[in-house]
C-alpha atoms as a PDB file:
ATOM      1  CA  MET A   1     -48.781 -35.031  27.623  1.00  0.00           C
ATOM      2  CA  THR A   2     -52.413 -33.147  28.654  1.00  0.00           C
ATOM      3  CA  SER A   3     -53.148 -29.725  27.711  1.00  0.00           C
ATOM      4  CA  ALA A   4     -52.756 -28.548  30.506  1.00  0.00           C
ATOM      5  CA  GLU A   5     -49.232 -29.543  31.220  1.00  0.00           C
ATOM      6  CA  VAL A   6     -49.115 -28.749  27.678  1.00  0.00           C
ATOM      7  CA  LEU A   7     -49.944 -25.490  28.204  1.00  0.00           C
ATOM      8  CA  ALA A   8     -47.328 -25.276  31.143  1.00  0.00           C
ATOM      9  CA  TYR A   9     -45.289 -25.559  29.209  1.00  0.00           C
ATOM     10  CA  GLU A  10     -45.409 -23.117  25.981  1.00  0.00           C
ATOM     11  CA  LYS A  11     -45.447 -20.677  29.005  1.00  0.00           C
ATOM     12  CA  GLU A  12     -42.468 -21.636  30.880  1.00  0.00           C
ATOM     13  CA  LEU A  13     -40.911 -21.638  26.659  1.00  0.00           C
ATOM     14  CA  GLU A  14     -41.687 -18.396  26.090  1.00  0.00           C
ATOM     15  CA  GLU A  15     -40.702 -17.472  29.942  1.00  0.00           C
ATOM     16  CA  ASN A  16     -37.420 -18.910  28.937  1.00  0.00           C
ATOM     17  CA  GLN A  17     -37.113 -17.182  25.888  1.00  0.00           C
ATOM     18  CA  LYS A  18     -37.742 -13.561  27.298  1.00  0.00           C
ATOM     19  CA  ILE A  19     -34.975 -14.270  30.001  1.00  0.00           C
ATOM     20  CA  VAL A  20     -32.328 -14.877  27.200  1.00  0.00           C
ATOM     21  CA  ARG A  21     -33.407 -12.049  24.866  1.00  0.00           C
ATOM     22  CA  GLN A  22     -32.497  -9.676  28.004  1.00  0.00           C
ATOM     23  CA  MET A  23     -29.656 -11.979  28.854  1.00  0.00           C
ATOM     24  CA  VAL A  24     -28.517 -10.937  25.663  1.00  0.00           C
ATOM     25  CA  LEU A  25     -29.091  -7.475  25.692  1.00  0.00           C
ATOM     26  CA  ASP A  26     -27.601  -6.853  28.984  1.00  0.00           C
ATOM     27  CA  SER A  27     -24.753  -8.529  27.421  1.00  0.00           C
ATOM     28  CA  LEU A  28     -24.429  -5.687  24.494  1.00  0.00           C
ATOM     29  CA  GLU A  29     -24.852  -3.050  26.739  1.00  0.00           C
ATOM     30  CA  ASP A  30     -22.263  -4.440  29.146  1.00  0.00           C
ATOM     31  CA  ALA A  31     -20.300  -4.298  25.470  1.00  0.00           C
ATOM     32  CA  ARG A  32     -21.038  -1.411  24.727  1.00  0.00           C
ATOM     33  CA  ALA A  33     -20.180  -0.227  28.175  1.00  0.00           C
ATOM     34  CA  GLY A  34     -16.678  -1.368  27.211  1.00  0.00           C
ATOM     35  CA  LYS A  35     -17.245  -4.122  30.261  1.00  0.00           C
ATOM     36  CA  GLY A  36     -16.019  -7.679  29.646  1.00  0.00           C
ATOM     37  CA  ARG A  37     -12.625  -9.667  27.847  1.00  0.00           C
ATOM     38  CA  ASP A  38     -11.567  -9.288  24.696  1.00  0.00           C
ATOM     39  CA  PHE A  39     -12.354 -12.534  23.161  1.00  0.00           C
ATOM     40  CA  ASN A  40      -8.573 -13.295  21.736  1.00  0.00           C
ATOM     41  CA  GLU A  41      -7.542 -13.080  25.493  1.00  0.00           C
ATOM     42  CA  VAL A  42     -10.142 -15.581  26.293  1.00  0.00           C
ATOM     43  CA  PHE A  43      -9.450 -17.627  23.084  1.00  0.00           C
ATOM     44  CA  ASP A  44      -5.039 -17.415  23.666  1.00  0.00           C
ATOM     45  CA  GLU A  45      -6.069 -18.720  27.275  1.00  0.00           C
ATOM     46  CA  LEU A  46      -8.268 -21.837  26.011  1.00  0.00           C
ATOM     47  CA  GLU A  47      -5.928 -22.527  23.403  1.00  0.00           C
ATOM     48  CA  LYS A  48      -2.429 -22.728  25.934  1.00  0.00           C
ATOM     49  CA  LYS A  49      -5.306 -24.949  28.021  1.00  0.00           C
ATOM     50  CA  TYR A  50      -6.111 -27.777  25.238  1.00  0.00           C
ATOM     51  CA  GLN A  51      -3.537 -27.698  23.463  1.00  0.00           C
ATOM     52  CA  ASN A  52      -1.829 -30.686  24.206  1.00  0.00           C
ATOM     53  CA  VAL A  53      -5.009 -32.600  25.549  1.00  0.00           C
END
């Protein structure tokens, strides 16, 4: 890789990390606001779906 490619890769990686961090913060805010689904409900659905696979 050339140094320009390495710099471009590092910049892209940094931008992706910022996006992921913001998504996590947004999800935490949604959870605090009572939005979303109960994990037990989700896991029950998955268990039923894959129980006989």
